[in-house]
Amino acid sequence: MRRFVGIVGLVTLVGALTMLSAASAGAATGTTCTGPLAPGTYNKVTVPAGASCLSDGPVTIKGGLEIGQGATFVLGSEDNAAPTGTINGGVRATNPASVQIHFTTINGGIKVQGGSGPFGGPFGMTWNAIEDNVIHGGTTITGYNGFWFGFIRNTVSGVVNLNDNVLQDPDGNEYVTNTIHGSLNCSGNSPAPQVGDSEGAPNVVTGRKNGQCTAV
């Protein structure tokens, strides 16, 4: 995934999207994000179908993050190893384009179901990058259809299920260098879970490694 890092250039990209905005619907109903998400505290944040929500943080989300069909959410960057905030109430996505979360504490776990294909969105191609996070409540990412997917350097309390993720990039499905206090279950992924070009280390799992992830 190293070759994609330069694509994001999040600060530059956010500047290019200044015509978009994160529109607040009020404290009771939360925030609908369709552009830059400014540092601050939010209740529930929703990224509607086809929209892009981008932030360098720090942000605190109190009532969960929901990402719609064909939508993109980016918080932080692999290039900037600074805490980006806290998401309480978990992350939920249905057929997203891209979910990219870095250096975040997530309480309530992550659940991503499906994808929207390998091409499209603000970057021209789609990828999930769940990297360098502390995740309480486990992670399930199933049926992601995109270009690349990395689950790297996370510390997870709970079961991790990474199943049926089909990627365009033969270097995809990099699941490495995680510490998982629970089991790691993998099946039906194409390509099979691998180190790829991440230069990562085997996952440390207190439970069992099952299926395809016995190799990583």
N, C-alpha and C. Protein backbone atom coordinates (compact mmCIF):
# COMPACT_ATOMS: atom_id res chain seq x y z
N MET A 1 0.82 -1.21 0.00
CA MET A 1 0.00 0.00 0.00
C MET A 1 0.85 1.26 0.00
N ARG A 2 2.14 1.12 0.17
CA ARG A 2 3.01 2.29 0.25
C ARG A 2 2.86 3.18 -0.98
N ARG A 3 2.62 2.59 -2.14
CA ARG A 3 2.56 3.39 -3.36
C ARG A 3 1.31 4.26 -3.41
N PHE A 4 0.33 4.02 -2.54
CA PHE A 4 -0.88 4.82 -2.53
C PHE A 4 -0.80 6.00 -1.59
N VAL A 5 0.18 6.00 -0.67
CA VAL A 5 0.19 7.02 0.37
C VAL A 5 0.22 8.42 -0.23
N GLY A 6 1.02 8.60 -1.29
CA GLY A 6 1.13 9.92 -1.90
C GLY A 6 -0.13 10.39 -2.57
N ILE A 7 -1.05 9.49 -2.86
CA ILE A 7 -2.29 9.88 -3.53
C ILE A 7 -3.15 10.73 -2.62
N VAL A 8 -3.14 10.37 -1.33
CA VAL A 8 -4.11 10.96 -0.43
C VAL A 8 -3.82 12.44 -0.20
N GLY A 9 -2.56 12.77 0.30
CA GLY A 9 -2.22 14.16 0.57
C GLY A 9 -3.39 14.88 1.18
N LEU A 10 -3.84 14.42 2.35
CA LEU A 10 -5.17 14.79 2.85
C LEU A 10 -5.36 16.28 2.99
N VAL A 11 -4.36 16.97 3.49
CA VAL A 11 -4.53 18.42 3.68
C VAL A 11 -4.78 19.11 2.36
N THR A 12 -4.01 18.71 1.34
CA THR A 12 -4.20 19.30 0.01
C THR A 12 -5.57 18.96 -0.53
N LEU A 13 -5.98 17.72 -0.32
CA LEU A 13 -7.27 17.29 -0.84
C LEU A 13 -8.41 18.04 -0.17
N VAL A 14 -8.30 18.22 1.16
CA VAL A 14 -9.35 18.95 1.87
C VAL A 14 -9.43 20.38 1.34
N GLY A 15 -8.26 20.98 1.06
CA GLY A 15 -8.28 22.32 0.51
C GLY A 15 -8.99 22.38 -0.82
N ALA A 16 -8.85 21.32 -1.61
CA ALA A 16 -9.50 21.28 -2.92
C ALA A 16 -10.99 21.07 -2.82
N LEU A 17 -11.44 20.65 -1.63
CA LEU A 17 -12.87 20.38 -1.45
C LEU A 17 -13.54 21.46 -0.60
N THR A 18 -13.01 22.66 -0.61
CA THR A 18 -13.58 23.70 0.24
C THR A 18 -14.98 24.11 -0.18
N MET A 19 -15.39 23.73 -1.37
CA MET A 19 -16.76 24.03 -1.76
C MET A 19 -17.75 23.11 -1.08
N LEU A 20 -17.22 22.02 -0.47
CA LEU A 20 -18.08 21.10 0.25
C LEU A 20 -18.07 21.50 1.72
N SER A 21 -18.98 20.93 2.51
CA SER A 21 -19.03 21.27 3.93
C SER A 21 -19.54 20.10 4.73
N ALA A 22 -19.21 20.13 6.03
CA ALA A 22 -19.80 19.20 6.98
C ALA A 22 -20.97 19.92 7.60
N ALA A 23 -22.16 19.56 7.20
CA ALA A 23 -23.36 20.30 7.60
C ALA A 23 -23.94 19.72 8.87
N SER A 24 -24.04 20.52 9.88
CA SER A 24 -24.59 20.07 11.16
C SER A 24 -26.10 20.16 11.13
N ALA A 25 -26.75 19.08 11.56
CA ALA A 25 -28.20 19.07 11.65
C ALA A 25 -28.66 19.32 13.08
N GLY A 26 -27.74 19.69 13.96
CA GLY A 26 -28.12 19.95 15.34
C GLY A 26 -27.64 18.86 16.25
N ALA A 27 -27.48 19.21 17.51
CA ALA A 27 -26.90 18.28 18.48
C ALA A 27 -27.72 17.01 18.63
N ALA A 28 -29.04 17.13 18.53
CA ALA A 28 -29.90 15.97 18.77
C ALA A 28 -29.79 14.94 17.66
N THR A 29 -29.64 15.40 16.42
CA THR A 29 -29.66 14.47 15.29
C THR A 29 -28.28 14.19 14.73
N GLY A 30 -27.27 14.92 15.15
CA GLY A 30 -25.92 14.64 14.70
C GLY A 30 -25.53 15.45 13.49
N THR A 31 -24.46 15.00 12.83
CA THR A 31 -23.83 15.73 11.74
C THR A 31 -23.83 14.88 10.48
N THR A 32 -24.26 15.47 9.37
CA THR A 32 -24.13 14.85 8.06
C THR A 32 -22.90 15.45 7.40
N CYS A 33 -21.90 14.62 7.12
CA CYS A 33 -20.62 15.09 6.63
C CYS A 33 -20.50 14.82 5.14
N THR A 34 -20.31 15.89 4.35
CA THR A 34 -20.17 15.77 2.90
C THR A 34 -18.94 16.52 2.40
N GLY A 35 -17.96 16.67 3.25
CA GLY A 35 -16.74 17.38 2.88
C GLY A 35 -15.75 17.32 4.02
N PRO A 36 -15.00 18.40 4.27
CA PRO A 36 -14.08 18.43 5.40
C PRO A 36 -14.83 18.33 6.73
N LEU A 37 -14.28 17.56 7.66
CA LEU A 37 -14.81 17.47 9.01
C LEU A 37 -13.80 18.15 9.92
N ALA A 38 -14.17 19.31 10.44
CA ALA A 38 -13.25 20.13 11.22
C ALA A 38 -12.95 19.49 12.56
N PRO A 39 -11.80 19.79 13.16
CA PRO A 39 -11.55 19.32 14.52
C PRO A 39 -12.66 19.76 15.45
N GLY A 40 -13.03 18.87 16.39
CA GLY A 40 -14.10 19.21 17.31
C GLY A 40 -14.80 17.98 17.83
N THR A 41 -15.90 18.21 18.51
CA THR A 41 -16.70 17.16 19.12
C THR A 41 -18.06 17.10 18.43
N TYR A 42 -18.48 15.89 18.10
CA TYR A 42 -19.72 15.66 17.37
C TYR A 42 -20.52 14.57 18.08
N ASN A 43 -21.84 14.59 17.87
CA ASN A 43 -22.64 13.45 18.26
C ASN A 43 -22.51 12.41 17.14
N LYS A 44 -23.54 11.81 16.66
CA LYS A 44 -23.42 10.86 15.56
C LYS A 44 -22.99 11.58 14.28
N VAL A 45 -22.10 10.95 13.52
CA VAL A 45 -21.68 11.47 12.22
C VAL A 45 -22.12 10.48 11.15
N THR A 46 -22.80 10.99 10.13
CA THR A 46 -23.26 10.18 9.01
C THR A 46 -22.66 10.70 7.72
N VAL A 47 -22.07 9.78 6.94
CA VAL A 47 -21.58 10.12 5.60
C VAL A 47 -22.58 9.52 4.62
N PRO A 48 -23.39 10.33 3.94
CA PRO A 48 -24.45 9.79 3.10
C PRO A 48 -23.91 9.13 1.84
N ALA A 49 -24.76 8.41 1.16
CA ALA A 49 -24.38 7.69 -0.05
C ALA A 49 -23.67 8.60 -1.04
N GLY A 50 -22.51 8.14 -1.53
CA GLY A 50 -21.77 8.84 -2.55
C GLY A 50 -20.95 10.02 -2.09
N ALA A 51 -21.04 10.38 -0.80
CA ALA A 51 -20.33 11.56 -0.30
C ALA A 51 -18.93 11.19 0.17
N SER A 52 -18.10 12.23 0.40
CA SER A 52 -16.76 12.07 0.95
C SER A 52 -16.63 12.94 2.18
N CYS A 53 -16.14 12.35 3.28
CA CYS A 53 -15.93 13.05 4.54
C CYS A 53 -14.48 12.86 4.92
N LEU A 54 -13.73 13.96 5.06
CA LEU A 54 -12.28 13.90 5.21
C LEU A 54 -11.83 14.74 6.38
N SER A 55 -10.93 14.21 7.20
CA SER A 55 -10.47 14.95 8.36
C SER A 55 -9.07 14.53 8.76
N ASP A 56 -8.27 15.50 9.21
CA ASP A 56 -7.00 15.21 9.87
C ASP A 56 -7.18 15.07 11.37
N GLY A 57 -8.39 15.40 11.91
CA GLY A 57 -8.62 15.37 13.33
C GLY A 57 -7.91 16.52 14.04
N PRO A 58 -7.91 16.53 15.37
CA PRO A 58 -8.57 15.53 16.20
C PRO A 58 -10.08 15.75 16.28
N VAL A 59 -10.81 14.65 16.31
CA VAL A 59 -12.25 14.72 16.46
C VAL A 59 -12.69 13.73 17.54
N THR A 60 -13.77 14.06 18.21
CA THR A 60 -14.44 13.14 19.11
C THR A 60 -15.86 12.95 18.60
N ILE A 61 -16.22 11.71 18.32
CA ILE A 61 -17.58 11.38 17.88
C ILE A 61 -18.23 10.57 18.99
N LYS A 62 -19.32 11.10 19.53
CA LYS A 62 -19.94 10.49 20.72
C LYS A 62 -20.93 9.40 20.39
N GLY A 63 -21.60 9.49 19.24
CA GLY A 63 -22.72 8.60 18.97
C GLY A 63 -22.55 7.70 17.77
N GLY A 64 -21.34 7.41 17.40
CA GLY A 64 -21.08 6.47 16.31
C GLY A 64 -20.91 7.14 14.96
N LEU A 65 -20.28 6.41 14.05
CA LEU A 65 -20.02 6.84 12.69
C LEU A 65 -20.70 5.88 11.74
N GLU A 66 -21.50 6.41 10.81
CA GLU A 66 -22.20 5.59 9.82
C GLU A 66 -21.82 6.06 8.42
N ILE A 67 -21.40 5.11 7.57
CA ILE A 67 -20.92 5.41 6.23
C ILE A 67 -21.81 4.71 5.23
N GLY A 68 -22.34 5.47 4.28
CA GLY A 68 -23.33 4.94 3.35
C GLY A 68 -22.73 4.34 2.08
N GLN A 69 -23.61 3.90 1.21
CA GLN A 69 -23.21 3.23 -0.02
C GLN A 69 -22.40 4.17 -0.91
N GLY A 70 -21.25 3.67 -1.38
CA GLY A 70 -20.40 4.45 -2.27
C GLY A 70 -19.75 5.64 -1.62
N ALA A 71 -19.81 5.75 -0.30
CA ALA A 71 -19.24 6.90 0.41
C ALA A 71 -17.81 6.62 0.84
N THR A 72 -17.08 7.71 1.09
CA THR A 72 -15.69 7.64 1.52
C THR A 72 -15.53 8.39 2.83
N PHE A 73 -14.84 7.75 3.80
CA PHE A 73 -14.51 8.40 5.05
C PHE A 73 -13.01 8.24 5.28
N VAL A 74 -12.33 9.36 5.54
CA VAL A 74 -10.89 9.35 5.81
C VAL A 74 -10.63 10.15 7.07
N LEU A 75 -9.99 9.52 8.05
CA LEU A 75 -9.57 10.20 9.27
C LEU A 75 -8.09 9.92 9.49
N GLY A 76 -7.26 10.94 9.38
CA GLY A 76 -5.84 10.80 9.58
C GLY A 76 -5.12 10.20 8.39
N SER A 77 -3.84 9.92 8.61
CA SER A 77 -2.98 9.44 7.53
C SER A 77 -1.86 8.60 8.11
N GLU A 78 -1.42 7.62 7.35
CA GLU A 78 -0.27 6.82 7.75
C GLU A 78 0.98 7.69 7.90
N ASP A 79 1.03 8.79 7.17
CA ASP A 79 2.21 9.65 7.19
C ASP A 79 2.35 10.48 8.45
N ASN A 80 1.26 10.65 9.21
CA ASN A 80 1.27 11.53 10.37
C ASN A 80 0.85 10.74 11.60
N ALA A 81 1.85 10.30 12.37
CA ALA A 81 1.60 9.41 13.51
C ALA A 81 1.17 10.21 14.73
N ALA A 82 0.06 10.91 14.61
CA ALA A 82 -0.50 11.69 15.71
C ALA A 82 -1.91 11.21 15.97
N PRO A 83 -2.33 11.15 17.26
CA PRO A 83 -3.70 10.73 17.55
C PRO A 83 -4.74 11.58 16.83
N THR A 84 -5.70 10.93 16.22
CA THR A 84 -6.71 11.66 15.45
C THR A 84 -8.05 11.77 16.17
N GLY A 85 -8.17 11.12 17.35
CA GLY A 85 -9.40 11.30 18.10
C GLY A 85 -10.00 10.00 18.59
N THR A 86 -11.29 10.08 18.95
CA THR A 86 -12.03 8.97 19.53
C THR A 86 -13.39 8.86 18.88
N ILE A 87 -13.77 7.64 18.53
CA ILE A 87 -15.12 7.37 18.02
C ILE A 87 -15.80 6.44 19.02
N ASN A 88 -16.80 6.94 19.73
CA ASN A 88 -17.62 6.12 20.60
C ASN A 88 -18.88 5.70 19.85
N GLY A 89 -19.34 4.50 20.11
CA GLY A 89 -20.53 4.01 19.41
C GLY A 89 -20.20 3.23 18.16
N GLY A 90 -18.91 3.07 17.86
CA GLY A 90 -18.49 2.20 16.76
C GLY A 90 -18.59 2.83 15.39
N VAL A 91 -18.07 2.07 14.42
CA VAL A 91 -18.08 2.44 13.01
C VAL A 91 -18.90 1.41 12.25
N ARG A 92 -19.86 1.88 11.45
CA ARG A 92 -20.69 0.99 10.65
C ARG A 92 -20.72 1.50 9.22
N ALA A 93 -20.47 0.61 8.26
CA ALA A 93 -20.46 0.99 6.85
C ALA A 93 -21.14 -0.10 6.03
N THR A 94 -21.96 0.33 5.06
CA THR A 94 -22.64 -0.60 4.16
C THR A 94 -22.30 -0.23 2.73
N ASN A 95 -21.61 -1.13 2.04
CA ASN A 95 -21.19 -0.93 0.65
C ASN A 95 -20.46 0.39 0.43
N PRO A 96 -19.48 0.72 1.28
CA PRO A 96 -18.76 1.98 1.10
C PRO A 96 -17.78 1.90 -0.06
N ALA A 97 -17.33 3.08 -0.51
CA ALA A 97 -16.20 3.12 -1.44
C ALA A 97 -14.90 2.88 -0.68
N SER A 98 -14.64 3.68 0.34
CA SER A 98 -13.40 3.58 1.11
C SER A 98 -13.65 3.94 2.56
N VAL A 99 -13.03 3.18 3.47
CA VAL A 99 -13.01 3.50 4.88
C VAL A 99 -11.55 3.52 5.31
N GLN A 100 -11.05 4.69 5.66
CA GLN A 100 -9.64 4.85 6.00
C GLN A 100 -9.55 5.56 7.35
N ILE A 101 -9.14 4.82 8.38
CA ILE A 101 -9.08 5.35 9.74
C ILE A 101 -7.71 5.03 10.32
N HIS A 102 -7.03 6.08 10.82
CA HIS A 102 -5.67 5.96 11.32
C HIS A 102 -5.54 6.59 12.70
N PHE A 103 -4.82 5.92 13.61
CA PHE A 103 -4.44 6.49 14.90
C PHE A 103 -5.64 6.99 15.70
N THR A 104 -6.70 6.19 15.72
CA THR A 104 -7.96 6.54 16.38
C THR A 104 -8.30 5.50 17.44
N THR A 105 -8.91 5.92 18.53
CA THR A 105 -9.50 4.99 19.50
C THR A 105 -10.96 4.82 19.15
N ILE A 106 -11.38 3.57 18.93
CA ILE A 106 -12.74 3.25 18.51
C ILE A 106 -13.38 2.37 19.57
N ASN A 107 -14.41 2.88 20.22
CA ASN A 107 -15.15 2.14 21.22
C ASN A 107 -16.49 1.70 20.63
N GLY A 108 -16.68 0.40 20.54
CA GLY A 108 -17.90 -0.11 19.93
C GLY A 108 -17.63 -0.90 18.66
N GLY A 109 -16.36 -1.05 18.31
CA GLY A 109 -15.99 -1.92 17.20
C GLY A 109 -16.22 -1.33 15.83
N ILE A 110 -15.85 -2.12 14.83
CA ILE A 110 -16.00 -1.75 13.42
C ILE A 110 -16.77 -2.86 12.71
N LYS A 111 -17.75 -2.46 11.89
CA LYS A 111 -18.46 -3.41 11.05
C LYS A 111 -18.62 -2.80 9.66
N VAL A 112 -17.96 -3.41 8.68
CA VAL A 112 -18.07 -2.98 7.29
C VAL A 112 -18.61 -4.15 6.49
N GLN A 113 -19.71 -3.93 5.79
CA GLN A 113 -20.34 -4.96 4.99
C GLN A 113 -20.39 -4.51 3.54
N GLY A 114 -19.70 -5.25 2.65
CA GLY A 114 -19.76 -4.97 1.23
C GLY A 114 -18.85 -3.84 0.81
N GLY A 115 -18.93 -3.50 -0.48
CA GLY A 115 -18.13 -2.43 -1.06
C GLY A 115 -18.80 -1.95 -2.33
N SER A 116 -18.17 -1.01 -3.00
CA SER A 116 -18.79 -0.42 -4.19
C SER A 116 -17.94 -0.58 -5.44
N GLY A 117 -16.95 -1.49 -5.41
CA GLY A 117 -16.12 -1.72 -6.58
C GLY A 117 -14.77 -1.05 -6.46
N PRO A 118 -13.79 -1.45 -7.30
CA PRO A 118 -12.41 -0.98 -7.13
C PRO A 118 -12.13 0.43 -7.63
N PHE A 119 -13.03 1.00 -8.40
CA PHE A 119 -12.75 2.32 -8.97
C PHE A 119 -13.88 3.29 -8.64
N GLY A 120 -13.49 4.57 -8.50
CA GLY A 120 -14.46 5.61 -8.16
C GLY A 120 -14.04 6.35 -6.92
N GLY A 121 -14.92 7.19 -6.42
CA GLY A 121 -14.62 7.99 -5.24
C GLY A 121 -13.64 9.11 -5.54
N PRO A 122 -13.24 9.85 -4.52
CA PRO A 122 -12.42 11.05 -4.75
C PRO A 122 -10.99 10.74 -5.19
N PHE A 123 -10.53 9.48 -5.03
CA PHE A 123 -9.15 9.14 -5.37
C PHE A 123 -9.04 8.38 -6.69
N GLY A 124 -10.15 8.07 -7.32
CA GLY A 124 -10.13 7.32 -8.57
C GLY A 124 -10.11 5.82 -8.36
N MET A 125 -9.63 5.37 -7.22
CA MET A 125 -9.69 3.97 -6.83
C MET A 125 -10.09 3.91 -5.37
N THR A 126 -10.52 2.75 -4.92
CA THR A 126 -11.07 2.62 -3.57
C THR A 126 -10.20 1.71 -2.73
N TRP A 127 -10.10 2.03 -1.44
CA TRP A 127 -9.41 1.11 -0.54
C TRP A 127 -9.83 1.36 0.89
N ASN A 128 -9.76 0.29 1.68
CA ASN A 128 -9.93 0.36 3.11
C ASN A 128 -8.56 0.31 3.76
N ALA A 129 -8.30 1.24 4.67
CA ALA A 129 -7.06 1.24 5.43
C ALA A 129 -7.42 1.44 6.90
N ILE A 130 -7.42 0.37 7.65
CA ILE A 130 -7.67 0.41 9.09
C ILE A 130 -6.32 0.18 9.75
N GLU A 131 -5.68 1.27 10.20
CA GLU A 131 -4.27 1.19 10.58
C GLU A 131 -3.99 1.98 11.85
N ASP A 132 -3.22 1.35 12.76
CA ASP A 132 -2.68 2.03 13.94
C ASP A 132 -3.77 2.50 14.90
N ASN A 133 -4.85 1.75 14.99
CA ASN A 133 -5.96 2.11 15.86
C ASN A 133 -6.01 1.24 17.11
N VAL A 134 -6.69 1.74 18.14
CA VAL A 134 -7.07 0.94 19.31
C VAL A 134 -8.57 0.72 19.21
N ILE A 135 -8.97 -0.54 19.08
CA ILE A 135 -10.37 -0.87 18.79
C ILE A 135 -10.92 -1.75 19.91
N HIS A 136 -11.93 -1.24 20.59
CA HIS A 136 -12.61 -2.00 21.64
C HIS A 136 -13.95 -2.48 21.07
N GLY A 137 -14.15 -3.79 21.06
CA GLY A 137 -15.42 -4.32 20.57
C GLY A 137 -15.30 -5.16 19.32
N GLY A 138 -14.09 -5.44 18.88
CA GLY A 138 -13.90 -6.33 17.74
C GLY A 138 -14.10 -5.64 16.40
N THR A 139 -13.86 -6.41 15.35
CA THR A 139 -13.95 -5.90 13.98
C THR A 139 -14.50 -7.00 13.08
N THR A 140 -15.46 -6.64 12.23
CA THR A 140 -15.95 -7.53 11.19
C THR A 140 -15.98 -6.76 9.88
N ILE A 141 -15.19 -7.21 8.91
CA ILE A 141 -15.18 -6.61 7.57
C ILE A 141 -15.39 -7.75 6.59
N THR A 142 -16.53 -7.72 5.92
CA THR A 142 -16.98 -8.85 5.12
C THR A 142 -17.46 -8.38 3.76
N GLY A 143 -17.00 -9.05 2.72
CA GLY A 143 -17.50 -8.80 1.38
C GLY A 143 -17.07 -7.48 0.80
N TYR A 144 -15.92 -6.94 1.26
CA TYR A 144 -15.46 -5.68 0.69
C TYR A 144 -14.97 -5.91 -0.73
N ASN A 145 -15.52 -5.13 -1.65
CA ASN A 145 -15.16 -5.18 -3.06
C ASN A 145 -14.51 -3.85 -3.41
N GLY A 146 -13.18 -3.83 -3.42
CA GLY A 146 -12.45 -2.60 -3.68
C GLY A 146 -11.13 -2.90 -4.34
N PHE A 147 -10.22 -1.92 -4.33
CA PHE A 147 -8.93 -2.13 -4.98
C PHE A 147 -7.92 -2.74 -4.01
N TRP A 148 -7.91 -2.28 -2.75
CA TRP A 148 -6.92 -2.72 -1.77
C TRP A 148 -7.52 -2.64 -0.38
N PHE A 149 -7.04 -3.47 0.52
CA PHE A 149 -7.51 -3.45 1.90
C PHE A 149 -6.34 -3.81 2.82
N GLY A 150 -6.09 -2.93 3.79
CA GLY A 150 -5.07 -3.20 4.79
C GLY A 150 -5.64 -3.10 6.20
N PHE A 151 -5.37 -4.11 6.99
CA PHE A 151 -5.71 -4.11 8.42
C PHE A 151 -4.38 -4.31 9.15
N ILE A 152 -3.79 -3.20 9.62
CA ILE A 152 -2.37 -3.21 9.97
C ILE A 152 -2.12 -2.42 11.27
N ARG A 153 -1.33 -3.00 12.17
CA ARG A 153 -0.84 -2.34 13.39
C ARG A 153 -1.96 -1.87 14.32
N ASN A 154 -3.06 -2.59 14.35
CA ASN A 154 -4.15 -2.27 15.26
C ASN A 154 -4.03 -3.09 16.54
N THR A 155 -4.53 -2.54 17.64
CA THR A 155 -4.70 -3.29 18.88
C THR A 155 -6.19 -3.45 19.12
N VAL A 156 -6.65 -4.69 19.14
CA VAL A 156 -8.09 -4.97 19.16
C VAL A 156 -8.45 -5.79 20.38
N SER A 157 -9.49 -5.37 21.09
CA SER A 157 -10.09 -6.17 22.15
C SER A 157 -11.40 -6.74 21.61
N GLY A 158 -11.39 -8.02 21.29
CA GLY A 158 -12.56 -8.66 20.70
C GLY A 158 -12.18 -9.49 19.50
N VAL A 159 -13.14 -10.18 18.95
CA VAL A 159 -12.92 -11.06 17.80
C VAL A 159 -12.78 -10.23 16.54
N VAL A 160 -11.88 -10.66 15.64
CA VAL A 160 -11.71 -10.02 14.34
C VAL A 160 -12.10 -11.02 13.26
N ASN A 161 -13.08 -10.64 12.43
CA ASN A 161 -13.54 -11.46 11.30
C ASN A 161 -13.27 -10.70 10.01
N LEU A 162 -12.43 -11.25 9.15
CA LEU A 162 -12.09 -10.64 7.86
C LEU A 162 -12.37 -11.69 6.79
N ASN A 163 -13.54 -11.59 6.17
CA ASN A 163 -14.02 -12.67 5.31
C ASN A 163 -14.54 -12.16 3.97
N ASP A 164 -14.28 -12.95 2.91
CA ASP A 164 -14.89 -12.74 1.58
C ASP A 164 -14.59 -11.36 1.01
N ASN A 165 -13.40 -10.84 1.29
CA ASN A 165 -12.98 -9.55 0.75
C ASN A 165 -12.21 -9.79 -0.54
N VAL A 166 -12.74 -9.29 -1.65
CA VAL A 166 -12.20 -9.56 -2.98
C VAL A 166 -11.63 -8.26 -3.54
N LEU A 167 -10.32 -8.23 -3.77
CA LEU A 167 -9.62 -7.02 -4.14
C LEU A 167 -9.06 -7.12 -5.55
N GLN A 168 -9.02 -5.98 -6.23
CA GLN A 168 -8.45 -5.89 -7.57
C GLN A 168 -6.93 -6.04 -7.53
N ASP A 169 -6.30 -5.48 -6.51
CA ASP A 169 -4.85 -5.48 -6.40
C ASP A 169 -4.36 -6.84 -5.89
N PRO A 170 -3.46 -7.53 -6.62
CA PRO A 170 -2.94 -8.80 -6.12
C PRO A 170 -2.13 -8.65 -4.84
N ASP A 171 -1.78 -7.41 -4.49
CA ASP A 171 -1.06 -7.12 -3.25
C ASP A 171 -2.03 -6.74 -2.13
N GLY A 172 -3.31 -6.98 -2.33
CA GLY A 172 -4.32 -6.59 -1.35
C GLY A 172 -4.44 -7.58 -0.21
N ASN A 173 -5.38 -7.27 0.70
CA ASN A 173 -5.64 -8.08 1.89
C ASN A 173 -4.38 -8.28 2.72
N GLU A 174 -3.77 -7.15 3.11
CA GLU A 174 -2.60 -7.17 3.99
C GLU A 174 -3.11 -7.09 5.44
N TYR A 175 -3.06 -8.19 6.15
CA TYR A 175 -3.52 -8.27 7.53
C TYR A 175 -2.31 -8.62 8.39
N VAL A 176 -1.62 -7.63 8.92
CA VAL A 176 -0.35 -7.89 9.61
C VAL A 176 -0.13 -6.93 10.78
N THR A 177 0.75 -7.35 11.69
CA THR A 177 1.28 -6.53 12.78
C THR A 177 0.18 -6.06 13.73
N ASN A 178 -0.89 -6.85 13.84
CA ASN A 178 -1.96 -6.53 14.78
C ASN A 178 -1.77 -7.30 16.09
N THR A 179 -2.26 -6.71 17.18
CA THR A 179 -2.36 -7.40 18.46
C THR A 179 -3.83 -7.56 18.76
N ILE A 180 -4.27 -8.81 18.83
CA ILE A 180 -5.70 -9.09 18.93
C ILE A 180 -5.97 -9.91 20.19
N HIS A 181 -6.75 -9.33 21.10
CA HIS A 181 -7.14 -10.02 22.32
C HIS A 181 -8.47 -10.71 22.06
N GLY A 182 -8.40 -11.83 21.38
CA GLY A 182 -9.54 -12.58 20.89
C GLY A 182 -9.08 -13.45 19.75
N SER A 183 -9.99 -13.93 18.94
CA SER A 183 -9.65 -14.78 17.80
C SER A 183 -9.58 -13.96 16.52
N LEU A 184 -8.84 -14.50 15.54
CA LEU A 184 -8.73 -13.91 14.21
C LEU A 184 -9.24 -14.93 13.21
N ASN A 185 -10.35 -14.61 12.53
CA ASN A 185 -11.01 -15.54 11.62
C ASN A 185 -10.99 -14.98 10.20
N CYS A 186 -10.49 -15.75 9.25
CA CYS A 186 -10.38 -15.30 7.87
C CYS A 186 -10.78 -16.43 6.92
N SER A 187 -11.63 -16.10 5.95
CA SER A 187 -11.99 -17.08 4.92
C SER A 187 -12.50 -16.36 3.69
N GLY A 188 -12.32 -16.98 2.53
CA GLY A 188 -12.89 -16.49 1.30
C GLY A 188 -12.28 -15.22 0.76
N ASN A 189 -11.12 -14.82 1.28
CA ASN A 189 -10.48 -13.59 0.81
C ASN A 189 -9.65 -13.85 -0.44
N SER A 190 -9.70 -12.92 -1.39
CA SER A 190 -8.92 -13.03 -2.62
C SER A 190 -8.32 -11.68 -2.96
N PRO A 191 -6.97 -11.58 -2.97
CA PRO A 191 -6.00 -12.63 -2.69
C PRO A 191 -6.03 -13.06 -1.23
N ALA A 192 -5.37 -14.16 -0.93
CA ALA A 192 -5.30 -14.63 0.45
C ALA A 192 -4.56 -13.62 1.31
N PRO A 193 -4.88 -13.54 2.59
CA PRO A 193 -4.16 -12.62 3.48
C PRO A 193 -2.66 -12.80 3.38
N GLN A 194 -1.93 -11.66 3.39
CA GLN A 194 -0.50 -11.70 3.13
C GLN A 194 0.19 -10.51 3.76
N VAL A 195 1.52 -10.56 3.76
CA VAL A 195 2.32 -9.42 4.20
C VAL A 195 2.37 -8.37 3.10
N GLY A 196 2.41 -8.80 1.84
CA GLY A 196 2.48 -7.87 0.73
C GLY A 196 3.73 -7.00 0.82
N ASP A 197 3.59 -5.72 0.48
CA ASP A 197 4.73 -4.82 0.57
C ASP A 197 4.71 -3.99 1.86
N SER A 198 3.91 -4.43 2.83
CA SER A 198 3.79 -3.68 4.09
C SER A 198 5.02 -3.83 4.97
N GLU A 199 5.83 -4.87 4.73
CA GLU A 199 6.98 -5.18 5.58
C GLU A 199 6.54 -5.44 7.01
N GLY A 200 5.32 -5.96 7.17
CA GLY A 200 4.75 -6.18 8.48
C GLY A 200 5.21 -7.47 9.12
N ALA A 201 4.77 -7.65 10.38
CA ALA A 201 5.12 -8.81 11.18
C ALA A 201 3.88 -9.67 11.40
N PRO A 202 4.06 -10.93 11.82
CA PRO A 202 2.90 -11.77 12.11
C PRO A 202 2.02 -11.16 13.19
N ASN A 203 0.73 -11.43 13.11
CA ASN A 203 -0.22 -10.95 14.11
C ASN A 203 -0.01 -11.69 15.43
N VAL A 204 -0.15 -10.96 16.53
CA VAL A 204 -0.13 -11.55 17.86
C VAL A 204 -1.57 -11.71 18.31
N VAL A 205 -2.00 -12.96 18.50
CA VAL A 205 -3.41 -13.26 18.76
C VAL A 205 -3.50 -14.11 20.03
N THR A 206 -4.26 -13.63 21.00
CA THR A 206 -4.36 -14.38 22.26
C THR A 206 -5.31 -15.56 22.14
N GLY A 207 -6.27 -15.47 21.20
CA GLY A 207 -7.16 -16.60 20.92
C GLY A 207 -6.58 -17.48 19.85
N ARG A 208 -7.40 -17.83 18.85
CA ARG A 208 -6.93 -18.70 17.78
C ARG A 208 -6.90 -17.93 16.45
N LYS A 209 -5.95 -18.30 15.62
CA LYS A 209 -5.95 -17.89 14.21
C LYS A 209 -6.64 -18.99 13.42
N ASN A 210 -7.68 -18.63 12.67
CA ASN A 210 -8.46 -19.62 11.96
C ASN A 210 -8.50 -19.33 10.47
N GLY A 211 -8.60 -20.39 9.67
CA GLY A 211 -8.75 -20.25 8.24
C GLY A 211 -7.51 -19.68 7.59
N GLN A 212 -7.71 -18.77 6.65
CA GLN A 212 -6.60 -18.21 5.89
C GLN A 212 -5.60 -17.46 6.76
N CYS A 213 -6.02 -16.99 7.91
CA CYS A 213 -5.13 -16.17 8.73
C CYS A 213 -4.17 -16.98 9.59
N THR A 214 -4.22 -18.30 9.49
CA THR A 214 -3.20 -19.09 10.17
C THR A 214 -1.82 -18.80 9.60
N ALA A 215 -1.77 -18.29 8.36
CA ALA A 215 -0.49 -18.02 7.70
C ALA A 215 0.09 -16.65 8.08
N VAL A 216 -0.70 -15.81 8.73
CA VAL A 216 -0.21 -14.47 9.07
C VAL A 216 -0.38 -14.21 10.57
